[in-house]
């Protein structure tokens, strides 16, 4: 199945198709298909239940500022049995984790500011 068919299948499943993936598919179909194959391999029922995989992916999407991935992972989590409360908790954990990196990434500036006179 080519990239056009794979993207159409995503749409039929109620998923948003990220514009960068469309562009990648138009420019380098092999890379786009490899990305979709990787997703399919990860999102199989093996060790972790699908609900947990979707919640982990949701947290990563929130932390990485990927709105289409956030929406798609919320849909996947909901379909896999996650409750609204669990989805909101995953978003809250991601928000906290992301805010922690803001503080950590500010360390050098905070050190400099701390060394300055008031």
N, C-alpha and C. Protein backbone atom coordinates (compact mmCIF):
# COMPACT_ATOMS: atom_id res chain seq x y z
N UNK A 1 0.85 -1.17 0.00
CA UNK A 1 0.00 0.00 0.00
C UNK A 1 0.90 1.23 0.00
N UNK A 2 0.61 2.18 -0.88
CA UNK A 2 1.40 3.39 -0.98
C UNK A 2 1.02 4.42 0.07
N UNK A 3 1.74 5.52 0.07
CA UNK A 3 1.52 6.55 1.07
C UNK A 3 0.13 7.17 0.96
N UNK A 4 -0.33 7.40 -0.25
CA UNK A 4 -1.65 8.01 -0.42
C UNK A 4 -2.73 7.13 0.20
N UNK A 5 -2.65 5.84 -0.04
CA UNK A 5 -3.63 4.91 0.53
C UNK A 5 -3.52 4.84 2.06
N UNK A 6 -2.31 4.87 2.57
CA UNK A 6 -2.11 4.81 4.03
C UNK A 6 -2.68 6.05 4.71
N UNK A 7 -2.46 7.21 4.09
CA UNK A 7 -2.98 8.45 4.67
C UNK A 7 -4.51 8.48 4.59
N UNK A 8 -5.05 7.98 3.49
CA UNK A 8 -6.51 7.90 3.37
C UNK A 8 -7.08 6.95 4.42
N UNK A 9 -6.40 5.86 4.69
CA UNK A 9 -6.84 4.92 5.73
C UNK A 9 -6.85 5.60 7.10
N UNK A 10 -5.85 6.44 7.36
CA UNK A 10 -5.83 7.20 8.62
C UNK A 10 -7.08 8.06 8.73
N UNK A 11 -7.40 8.76 7.64
CA UNK A 11 -8.57 9.64 7.65
C UNK A 11 -9.85 8.84 7.88
N UNK A 12 -9.96 7.69 7.25
CA UNK A 12 -11.15 6.85 7.40
C UNK A 12 -11.30 6.34 8.83
N UNK A 13 -10.16 6.23 9.55
CA UNK A 13 -10.19 5.79 10.94
C UNK A 13 -10.50 6.95 11.88
N UNK A 14 -10.71 8.15 11.30
CA UNK A 14 -11.01 9.32 12.12
C UNK A 14 -9.78 10.02 12.65
N UNK A 15 -8.63 9.73 12.06
CA UNK A 15 -7.39 10.35 12.50
C UNK A 15 -7.06 11.57 11.65
N UNK A 16 -6.41 12.52 12.26
CA UNK A 16 -5.90 13.68 11.54
C UNK A 16 -4.60 13.26 10.87
N UNK A 17 -4.36 13.76 9.69
CA UNK A 17 -3.10 13.48 9.00
C UNK A 17 -2.22 14.71 9.16
N UNK A 18 -1.09 14.56 9.86
CA UNK A 18 -0.20 15.71 10.05
C UNK A 18 0.33 16.22 8.70
N UNK A 19 0.27 17.52 8.50
CA UNK A 19 0.75 18.11 7.25
C UNK A 19 2.21 17.74 6.98
N UNK A 20 3.10 17.74 8.00
CA UNK A 20 4.48 17.34 7.71
C UNK A 20 4.58 15.91 7.17
N UNK A 21 3.70 15.02 7.61
CA UNK A 21 3.71 13.65 7.10
C UNK A 21 3.25 13.62 5.64
N UNK A 22 2.26 14.43 5.32
CA UNK A 22 1.83 14.54 3.92
C UNK A 22 2.97 15.04 3.05
N UNK A 23 3.66 16.07 3.53
CA UNK A 23 4.79 16.63 2.76
C UNK A 23 5.91 15.61 2.61
N UNK A 24 6.23 14.93 3.70
CA UNK A 24 7.27 13.91 3.64
C UNK A 24 6.88 12.83 2.63
N UNK A 25 5.63 12.43 2.66
CA UNK A 25 5.16 11.40 1.73
C UNK A 25 5.28 11.84 0.28
N UNK A 26 5.03 13.11 0.04
CA UNK A 26 5.14 13.63 -1.33
C UNK A 26 6.59 13.73 -1.78
N UNK A 27 7.48 14.00 -0.83
CA UNK A 27 8.89 14.20 -1.17
C UNK A 27 9.72 12.92 -1.07
N UNK A 28 9.35 12.06 -0.12
CA UNK A 28 10.12 10.84 0.13
C UNK A 28 9.18 9.77 0.68
N UNK A 29 8.46 9.13 -0.23
CA UNK A 29 7.43 8.16 0.16
C UNK A 29 8.01 7.05 1.04
N UNK A 30 9.20 6.60 0.74
CA UNK A 30 9.82 5.51 1.50
C UNK A 30 9.99 5.89 2.97
N UNK A 31 10.44 7.11 3.23
CA UNK A 31 10.62 7.56 4.63
C UNK A 31 9.29 7.68 5.34
N UNK A 32 8.29 8.21 4.65
CA UNK A 32 6.97 8.35 5.26
C UNK A 32 6.37 6.98 5.58
N UNK A 33 6.51 6.04 4.66
CA UNK A 33 6.00 4.69 4.91
C UNK A 33 6.75 4.02 6.06
N UNK A 34 8.05 4.24 6.14
CA UNK A 34 8.84 3.69 7.24
C UNK A 34 8.36 4.24 8.58
N UNK A 35 8.02 5.52 8.59
CA UNK A 35 7.50 6.13 9.82
C UNK A 35 6.18 5.49 10.22
N UNK A 36 5.29 5.32 9.27
CA UNK A 36 4.00 4.70 9.56
C UNK A 36 4.15 3.24 9.96
N UNK A 37 5.10 2.54 9.34
CA UNK A 37 5.37 1.15 9.72
C UNK A 37 5.89 1.08 11.16
N UNK A 38 6.73 2.03 11.52
CA UNK A 38 7.26 2.07 12.88
C UNK A 38 6.14 2.29 13.89
N UNK A 39 5.22 3.20 13.56
CA UNK A 39 4.08 3.44 14.44
C UNK A 39 3.25 2.17 14.59
N UNK A 40 3.00 1.51 13.47
CA UNK A 40 2.20 0.27 13.50
C UNK A 40 2.87 -0.79 14.37
N UNK A 41 4.19 -0.87 14.29
CA UNK A 41 4.92 -1.86 15.09
C UNK A 41 4.85 -1.55 16.58
N UNK A 42 4.92 -0.27 16.91
CA UNK A 42 4.87 0.14 18.32
C UNK A 42 3.47 -0.03 18.89
N UNK A 43 2.47 0.33 18.11
CA UNK A 43 1.10 0.29 18.59
C UNK A 43 0.44 -1.05 18.30
N UNK A 44 1.10 -2.12 18.74
CA UNK A 44 0.51 -3.45 18.70
C UNK A 44 0.34 -3.93 20.13
N UNK A 45 -0.58 -4.83 20.33
CA UNK A 45 -0.79 -5.38 21.67
C UNK A 45 0.30 -6.39 21.98
N UNK A 46 1.34 -5.94 22.60
CA UNK A 46 2.40 -6.85 23.04
C UNK A 46 2.48 -6.74 24.55
N UNK A 47 3.50 -6.09 25.07
CA UNK A 47 3.66 -5.98 26.52
C UNK A 47 2.69 -5.02 27.17
N UNK A 48 2.78 -3.76 26.80
CA UNK A 48 1.90 -2.75 27.40
C UNK A 48 0.54 -2.77 26.72
N UNK A 49 -0.51 -2.62 27.50
CA UNK A 49 -1.83 -2.49 26.89
C UNK A 49 -1.90 -1.22 26.03
N UNK A 50 -2.73 -1.25 25.00
CA UNK A 50 -2.86 -0.14 24.07
C UNK A 50 -3.20 1.17 24.79
N UNK A 51 -4.03 1.10 25.80
CA UNK A 51 -4.42 2.30 26.54
C UNK A 51 -3.18 2.99 27.11
N UNK A 52 -2.28 2.23 27.69
CA UNK A 52 -1.09 2.83 28.29
C UNK A 52 -0.15 3.37 27.23
N UNK A 53 -0.03 2.65 26.12
CA UNK A 53 0.81 3.15 25.03
C UNK A 53 0.29 4.48 24.52
N UNK A 54 -1.02 4.57 24.36
CA UNK A 54 -1.62 5.81 23.88
C UNK A 54 -1.43 6.94 24.88
N UNK A 55 -1.54 6.65 26.17
CA UNK A 55 -1.33 7.69 27.18
C UNK A 55 0.13 8.15 27.22
N UNK A 56 1.07 7.22 27.06
CA UNK A 56 2.48 7.60 27.00
C UNK A 56 2.73 8.47 25.77
N UNK A 57 2.19 8.05 24.62
CA UNK A 57 2.36 8.83 23.39
C UNK A 57 1.71 10.20 23.52
N UNK A 58 0.58 10.26 24.20
CA UNK A 58 -0.08 11.54 24.45
C UNK A 58 0.81 12.46 25.26
N UNK A 59 1.39 11.93 26.32
CA UNK A 59 2.29 12.74 27.14
C UNK A 59 3.47 13.27 26.35
N UNK A 60 4.04 12.43 25.52
CA UNK A 60 5.17 12.87 24.68
C UNK A 60 4.72 13.94 23.70
N UNK A 61 3.55 13.76 23.10
CA UNK A 61 3.05 14.74 22.13
C UNK A 61 2.81 16.09 22.79
N UNK A 62 2.27 16.07 24.01
CA UNK A 62 2.07 17.32 24.75
C UNK A 62 3.41 17.98 25.02
N UNK A 63 4.36 17.21 25.51
CA UNK A 63 5.68 17.76 25.85
C UNK A 63 6.43 18.27 24.62
N UNK A 64 6.16 17.67 23.47
CA UNK A 64 6.87 18.04 22.24
C UNK A 64 6.11 19.04 21.37
N UNK A 65 4.97 19.54 21.88
CA UNK A 65 4.19 20.54 21.14
C UNK A 65 3.74 20.03 19.78
N UNK A 66 3.07 18.89 19.75
CA UNK A 66 2.61 18.30 18.50
C UNK A 66 1.09 18.18 18.52
N UNK A 67 0.37 19.25 18.15
CA UNK A 67 -1.08 19.28 18.30
C UNK A 67 -1.83 18.16 17.58
N UNK A 68 -1.44 17.82 16.37
CA UNK A 68 -2.14 16.75 15.65
C UNK A 68 -1.90 15.42 16.35
N UNK A 69 -0.68 15.20 16.82
CA UNK A 69 -0.38 13.97 17.55
C UNK A 69 -1.14 13.93 18.88
N UNK A 70 -1.30 15.07 19.52
CA UNK A 70 -2.08 15.13 20.76
C UNK A 70 -3.50 14.65 20.48
N UNK A 71 -4.12 15.22 19.45
CA UNK A 71 -5.49 14.84 19.11
C UNK A 71 -5.59 13.37 18.74
N UNK A 72 -4.70 12.89 17.90
CA UNK A 72 -4.75 11.48 17.50
C UNK A 72 -4.53 10.55 18.67
N UNK A 73 -3.63 10.90 19.58
CA UNK A 73 -3.38 10.04 20.74
C UNK A 73 -4.52 10.09 21.75
N UNK A 74 -5.21 11.23 21.86
CA UNK A 74 -6.40 11.28 22.70
C UNK A 74 -7.46 10.33 22.12
N UNK A 75 -7.65 10.38 20.81
CA UNK A 75 -8.61 9.48 20.16
C UNK A 75 -8.23 8.01 20.38
N UNK A 76 -6.95 7.70 20.20
CA UNK A 76 -6.49 6.32 20.39
C UNK A 76 -6.68 5.88 21.83
N UNK A 77 -6.34 6.74 22.78
CA UNK A 77 -6.49 6.40 24.20
C UNK A 77 -7.95 6.15 24.54
N UNK A 78 -8.83 7.02 24.04
CA UNK A 78 -10.25 6.87 24.32
C UNK A 78 -10.78 5.56 23.74
N UNK A 79 -10.39 5.26 22.50
CA UNK A 79 -10.81 4.01 21.87
C UNK A 79 -10.27 2.79 22.60
N UNK A 80 -9.11 2.95 23.25
CA UNK A 80 -8.49 1.83 23.96
C UNK A 80 -9.01 1.71 25.39
N UNK A 81 -9.98 2.55 25.75
CA UNK A 81 -10.61 2.41 27.06
C UNK A 81 -10.19 3.42 28.10
N UNK A 82 -9.37 4.38 27.74
CA UNK A 82 -8.99 5.41 28.71
C UNK A 82 -10.18 6.30 29.01
N UNK A 83 -10.32 6.66 30.26
CA UNK A 83 -11.39 7.57 30.66
C UNK A 83 -10.96 9.00 30.42
N UNK A 84 -11.91 9.90 30.43
CA UNK A 84 -11.61 11.33 30.31
C UNK A 84 -10.64 11.75 31.42
N UNK A 85 -10.89 11.24 32.62
CA UNK A 85 -10.04 11.57 33.76
C UNK A 85 -8.60 11.08 33.55
N UNK A 86 -8.44 9.87 33.02
CA UNK A 86 -7.09 9.35 32.76
C UNK A 86 -6.38 10.17 31.69
N UNK A 87 -7.11 10.57 30.66
CA UNK A 87 -6.52 11.38 29.60
C UNK A 87 -6.09 12.74 30.16
N UNK A 88 -6.95 13.35 30.96
CA UNK A 88 -6.60 14.65 31.54
C UNK A 88 -5.42 14.52 32.50
N UNK A 89 -5.33 13.41 33.22
CA UNK A 89 -4.20 13.19 34.11
C UNK A 89 -2.90 13.04 33.32
N UNK A 90 -2.96 12.34 32.19
CA UNK A 90 -1.78 12.19 31.33
C UNK A 90 -1.32 13.55 30.82
N UNK A 91 -2.27 14.40 30.45
CA UNK A 91 -1.93 15.75 29.99
C UNK A 91 -1.31 16.55 31.13
N UNK A 92 -1.85 16.42 32.32
CA UNK A 92 -1.31 17.15 33.48
C UNK A 92 0.11 16.69 33.81
N UNK A 93 0.35 15.38 33.74
CA UNK A 93 1.71 14.86 34.00
C UNK A 93 2.68 15.40 32.96
N UNK A 94 2.26 15.41 31.70
CA UNK A 94 3.11 15.93 30.63
C UNK A 94 3.39 17.41 30.83
N UNK A 95 2.37 18.16 31.22
CA UNK A 95 2.54 19.60 31.48
C UNK A 95 3.56 19.82 32.59
N UNK A 96 3.44 19.05 33.67
CA UNK A 96 4.40 19.18 34.76
C UNK A 96 5.81 18.82 34.29
N UNK A 97 5.92 17.73 33.55
CA UNK A 97 7.23 17.30 33.07
C UNK A 97 7.85 18.36 32.16
N UNK A 98 7.04 18.94 31.31
CA UNK A 98 7.55 19.97 30.41
C UNK A 98 7.97 21.20 31.20
N UNK A 99 7.18 21.59 32.19
CA UNK A 99 7.55 22.77 32.98
C UNK A 99 8.84 22.52 33.76
N UNK A 100 9.06 21.28 34.15
CA UNK A 100 10.32 20.95 34.84
C UNK A 100 11.52 21.16 33.93
N UNK A 101 11.36 20.86 32.64
CA UNK A 101 12.48 21.06 31.73
C UNK A 101 12.75 22.54 31.52
N UNK A 102 11.72 23.37 31.61
CA UNK A 102 11.92 24.82 31.50
C UNK A 102 12.82 25.29 32.64
N UNK A 103 12.55 24.81 33.83
CA UNK A 103 13.37 25.19 34.98
C UNK A 103 14.79 24.64 34.81
N UNK A 104 14.89 23.37 34.43
CA UNK A 104 16.22 22.77 34.24
C UNK A 104 17.02 23.47 33.16
N UNK A 105 16.36 23.80 32.06
CA UNK A 105 17.07 24.44 30.96
C UNK A 105 17.44 25.89 31.26
N UNK A 106 16.87 26.43 32.32
CA UNK A 106 17.20 27.79 32.73
C UNK A 106 18.36 27.84 33.71
N UNK A 107 18.92 26.70 34.07
CA UNK A 107 19.93 26.62 35.13
C UNK A 107 21.09 27.58 34.91
N UNK A 108 21.65 27.62 33.72
CA UNK A 108 22.79 28.49 33.47
C UNK A 108 22.41 29.95 33.69
N UNK A 109 21.28 30.36 33.21
CA UNK A 109 20.83 31.74 33.39
C UNK A 109 20.53 32.02 34.86
N UNK A 110 19.94 31.05 35.55
CA UNK A 110 19.65 31.24 36.97
C UNK A 110 20.94 31.34 37.78
N UNK A 111 21.94 30.52 37.41
CA UNK A 111 23.26 30.62 38.09
C UNK A 111 23.84 32.01 37.92
N UNK A 112 23.77 32.52 36.67
CA UNK A 112 24.32 33.84 36.40
C UNK A 112 23.57 34.88 37.20
N UNK A 113 22.23 34.82 37.19
CA UNK A 113 21.41 35.78 37.91
C UNK A 113 21.67 35.71 39.40
N UNK A 114 21.83 34.52 39.94
CA UNK A 114 22.10 34.34 41.36
C UNK A 114 23.40 35.01 41.77
N UNK A 115 24.39 34.98 40.89
CA UNK A 115 25.70 35.58 41.19
C UNK A 115 25.70 37.10 41.09
N UNK A 116 24.65 37.69 40.54
CA UNK A 116 24.58 39.14 40.37
C UNK A 116 24.10 39.81 41.66
N UNK A 117 24.58 41.02 41.90
CA UNK A 117 24.05 41.76 43.05
C UNK A 117 22.57 42.14 42.80
N UNK A 118 21.86 42.28 43.87
CA UNK A 118 20.44 42.68 43.74
C UNK A 118 20.38 43.97 43.03
